[in-house]
Amino acid sequence: MSFAATLRELVMPRRLVTLALLVAAWCALWGGISAANVLAGTVVAVAVTLAAGVQPGQGRIRLVPLLQFVWLVALDLVSSTVSVAWEILTPTDYTDEAVIAVDTQVESRSHLLMLVVAITVTPGTAVVDTDADTGRFYLHLLHADKADAIVAHVQRLADLACQALPVDTDAGVEVPT
């Protein structure tokens, strides 16, 4: 593939959204937005998306589900930050940690990546492992009693990710099942 074709792939709207989300996650992981973080995040995001082999033209962006996805992640960030802060500030330890498996019906590795980033930046949960072939996540939770609600929530996020960035299966692109 030529440099011009690779450059065209990188400036497609779907790829730009993916790159922007990855750069935002990079900045969140480093704890701030700076020119160095944005530049380093961009380099890492481009390298990761090119190395991942995500095919261009796998559908279009659907704005309403994407905004719903972003809204739910933003709400998760706020509510989980308050929950974790409360857990730290109170003298009694109410944590009951667990690692659970969550099965999702993601349609591509892009959806899997969106979910990993959304879950990992949220305090109180962490992705321990994923199986890209089955869409299964292994999550570490601080509160095992909320496992059913978290499974349902992750599945809702997976559905929104698939709706927001649909995969065009007619374009000859292999989609993991």
Protein backbone atom coordinates (compact mmCIF):
# COMPACT_ATOMS: atom_id res chain seq x y z
CA MET A 1 0.00 0.00 0.00
CA SER A 2 1.37 3.40 -0.94
CA PHE A 3 1.99 6.27 1.46
CA ALA A 4 -0.83 8.31 -0.14
CA ALA A 5 -3.30 5.43 0.34
CA THR A 6 -2.22 5.02 3.97
CA LEU A 7 -2.61 8.77 4.53
CA ARG A 8 -6.11 8.69 2.99
CA GLU A 9 -7.03 5.88 5.40
CA LEU A 10 -5.90 7.95 8.37
CA VAL A 11 -8.03 10.97 7.50
CA MET A 12 -11.31 9.10 7.08
CA PRO A 13 -13.94 10.32 9.60
CA ARG A 14 -14.19 6.97 11.35
CA ARG A 15 -10.42 6.67 11.70
CA LEU A 16 -10.19 10.27 12.94
CA VAL A 17 -12.76 9.51 15.66
CA THR A 18 -10.78 6.42 16.66
CA LEU A 19 -7.55 8.39 16.74
CA ALA A 20 -9.17 11.21 18.75
CA LEU A 21 -10.53 8.73 21.31
CA LEU A 22 -7.13 7.06 21.62
CA VAL A 23 -5.35 10.41 22.05
CA ALA A 24 -7.93 11.42 24.69
CA ALA A 25 -7.35 8.14 26.51
CA TRP A 26 -3.58 8.68 26.31
CA CYS A 27 -3.92 12.17 27.83
CA ALA A 28 -6.24 10.80 30.52
CA LEU A 29 -3.73 8.10 31.41
CA TRP A 30 -0.95 10.70 31.69
CA GLY A 31 -3.20 12.94 33.79
CA GLY A 32 -3.37 16.04 31.64
CA ILE A 33 -3.54 17.64 28.24
CA SER A 34 -0.27 19.11 27.03
CA ALA A 35 1.37 19.51 23.66
CA ALA A 36 3.75 16.66 24.48
CA ASN A 37 0.92 14.33 25.57
CA VAL A 38 -1.18 15.12 22.50
CA LEU A 39 1.80 14.64 20.17
CA ALA A 40 2.93 11.41 21.83
CA GLY A 41 -0.66 10.15 21.98
CA THR A 42 -1.12 10.87 18.29
CA VAL A 43 2.05 8.99 17.37
CA VAL A 44 1.03 6.02 19.52
CA ALA A 45 -2.57 6.07 18.23
CA VAL A 46 -1.48 6.12 14.57
CA ALA A 47 1.03 3.35 15.16
CA VAL A 48 -1.48 1.19 17.03
CA THR A 49 -4.28 1.60 14.49
CA LEU A 50 -1.97 0.87 11.58
CA ALA A 51 -0.47 -2.14 13.36
CA ALA A 52 -3.92 -3.43 14.33
CA GLY A 53 -4.82 -3.82 10.68
CA VAL A 54 -8.25 -2.23 11.05
CA GLN A 55 -9.62 -1.95 7.55
CA PRO A 56 -10.81 1.45 6.31
CA GLY A 57 -14.35 1.95 5.08
CA GLN A 58 -15.95 -0.38 7.59
CA GLY A 59 -19.12 1.66 7.70
CA ARG A 60 -19.93 5.17 8.70
CA ILE A 61 -20.22 7.07 11.95
CA ARG A 62 -23.67 7.25 13.50
CA LEU A 63 -23.69 10.36 15.62
CA VAL A 64 -26.57 9.62 18.03
CA PRO A 65 -25.23 6.26 19.30
CA LEU A 66 -21.71 7.75 19.46
CA LEU A 67 -22.95 10.64 21.59
CA GLN A 68 -24.86 8.17 23.81
CA PHE A 69 -21.66 6.13 24.20
CA VAL A 70 -19.63 9.22 25.12
CA TRP A 71 -22.37 10.40 27.52
CA LEU A 72 -22.47 7.04 29.33
CA VAL A 73 -18.68 6.98 29.63
CA ALA A 74 -18.71 10.54 30.98
CA LEU A 75 -21.37 9.58 33.54
CA ASP A 76 -19.29 6.52 34.47
CA LEU A 77 -16.24 8.71 35.00
CA VAL A 78 -18.11 11.03 37.35
CA SER A 79 -20.03 8.41 39.32
CA SER A 80 -17.11 6.01 39.66
CA THR A 81 -14.73 8.80 40.67
CA VAL A 82 -17.15 9.80 43.45
CA SER A 83 -17.56 6.15 44.47
CA VAL A 84 -13.82 5.47 44.60
CA ALA A 85 -13.16 8.76 46.42
CA TRP A 86 -15.84 7.84 48.99
CA GLU A 87 -14.25 4.41 49.39
CA ILE A 88 -10.87 6.02 50.05
CA LEU A 89 -12.12 8.72 52.41
CA THR A 90 -14.32 6.55 54.62
CA PRO A 91 -12.68 4.48 57.36
CA THR A 92 -14.62 1.29 56.59
CA ASP A 93 -13.52 -0.82 53.64
CA TYR A 94 -16.59 -1.89 51.68
CA THR A 95 -14.68 -3.31 48.72
CA ASP A 96 -15.27 -6.88 47.67
CA GLU A 97 -12.94 -7.28 44.73
CA ALA A 98 -13.57 -9.78 41.96
CA VAL A 99 -12.57 -10.61 38.42
CA ILE A 100 -15.55 -11.37 36.20
CA ALA A 101 -16.03 -12.43 32.60
CA VAL A 102 -18.27 -10.30 30.40
CA ASP A 103 -19.39 -11.61 27.02
CA THR A 104 -20.14 -9.00 24.36
CA GLN A 105 -21.19 -9.16 20.75
CA VAL A 106 -18.60 -6.75 19.35
CA GLU A 107 -18.33 -6.73 15.58
CA SER A 108 -14.70 -5.68 15.16
CA ARG A 109 -11.45 -4.99 16.93
CA SER A 110 -12.27 -1.25 16.78
CA HIS A 111 -15.30 -1.84 18.98
CA LEU A 112 -13.22 -3.95 21.34
CA LEU A 113 -10.64 -1.16 21.54
CA MET A 114 -13.33 1.45 22.27
CA LEU A 115 -14.64 -0.65 25.13
CA VAL A 116 -11.21 -1.36 26.59
CA VAL A 117 -10.40 2.36 26.62
CA ALA A 118 -13.81 3.35 28.05
CA ILE A 119 -13.62 0.76 30.82
CA THR A 120 -9.97 1.25 31.70
CA VAL A 121 -10.17 5.04 32.13
CA THR A 122 -13.08 4.60 34.55
CA PRO A 123 -11.93 4.35 38.20
CA GLY A 124 -12.91 1.17 40.04
CA THR A 125 -12.79 -1.17 37.04
CA ALA A 126 -9.95 -2.43 34.91
CA VAL A 127 -9.74 -4.70 31.91
CA VAL A 128 -7.54 -7.63 32.93
CA ASP A 129 -7.73 -9.52 29.65
CA THR A 130 -9.74 -9.70 26.43
CA ASP A 131 -10.43 -12.33 23.84
CA ALA A 132 -10.82 -10.57 20.52
CA ASP A 133 -12.17 -13.69 18.82
CA THR A 134 -15.12 -14.08 21.20
CA GLY A 135 -15.57 -10.52 22.49
CA ARG A 136 -15.09 -11.68 26.09
CA PHE A 137 -13.66 -9.26 28.66
CA TYR A 138 -12.24 -10.08 32.04
CA LEU A 139 -12.81 -7.16 34.38
CA HIS A 140 -11.46 -6.41 37.82
CA LEU A 141 -14.14 -4.84 40.02
CA LEU A 142 -13.95 -3.20 43.43
CA HIS A 143 -17.52 -4.18 44.28
CA ALA A 144 -18.46 -7.76 43.32
CA ASP A 145 -22.06 -7.22 44.41
CA LYS A 146 -22.51 -4.86 41.42
CA ALA A 147 -21.29 -7.48 38.92
CA ASP A 148 -24.70 -8.04 37.26
CA ALA A 149 -25.24 -4.31 36.75
CA ILE A 150 -21.72 -3.89 35.41
CA VAL A 151 -22.14 -6.79 32.96
CA ALA A 152 -25.37 -5.23 31.66
CA HIS A 153 -23.70 -1.82 31.43
CA VAL A 154 -20.68 -3.14 29.50
CA GLN A 155 -23.01 -4.98 27.12
CA ARG A 156 -24.95 -1.72 26.61
CA LEU A 157 -21.68 0.10 25.85
CA ALA A 158 -20.74 -2.67 23.40
CA ASP A 159 -24.09 -2.32 21.63
CA LEU A 160 -23.67 1.46 21.38
CA ALA A 161 -20.11 1.08 20.06
CA CYS A 162 -21.35 -1.29 17.35
CA GLN A 163 -24.23 1.04 16.48
CA ALA A 164 -22.01 4.14 16.45
CA LEU A 165 -19.34 2.64 14.20
CA PRO A 166 -21.09 -0.03 12.12
CA VAL A 167 -18.99 -2.53 10.22
CA ASP A 168 -19.62 -2.90 6.50
CA THR A 169 -19.58 -6.68 6.09
CA ASP A 170 -20.36 -6.36 2.37
CA ALA A 171 -16.96 -4.78 1.67
CA GLY A 172 -15.16 -8.11 1.96
CA VAL A 173 -13.80 -7.33 5.41
CA GLU A 174 -13.35 -10.25 7.76
CA VAL A 175 -15.18 -9.74 11.01
CA PRO A 176 -14.30 -11.85 14.07
CA THR A 177 -17.27 -13.76 15.46
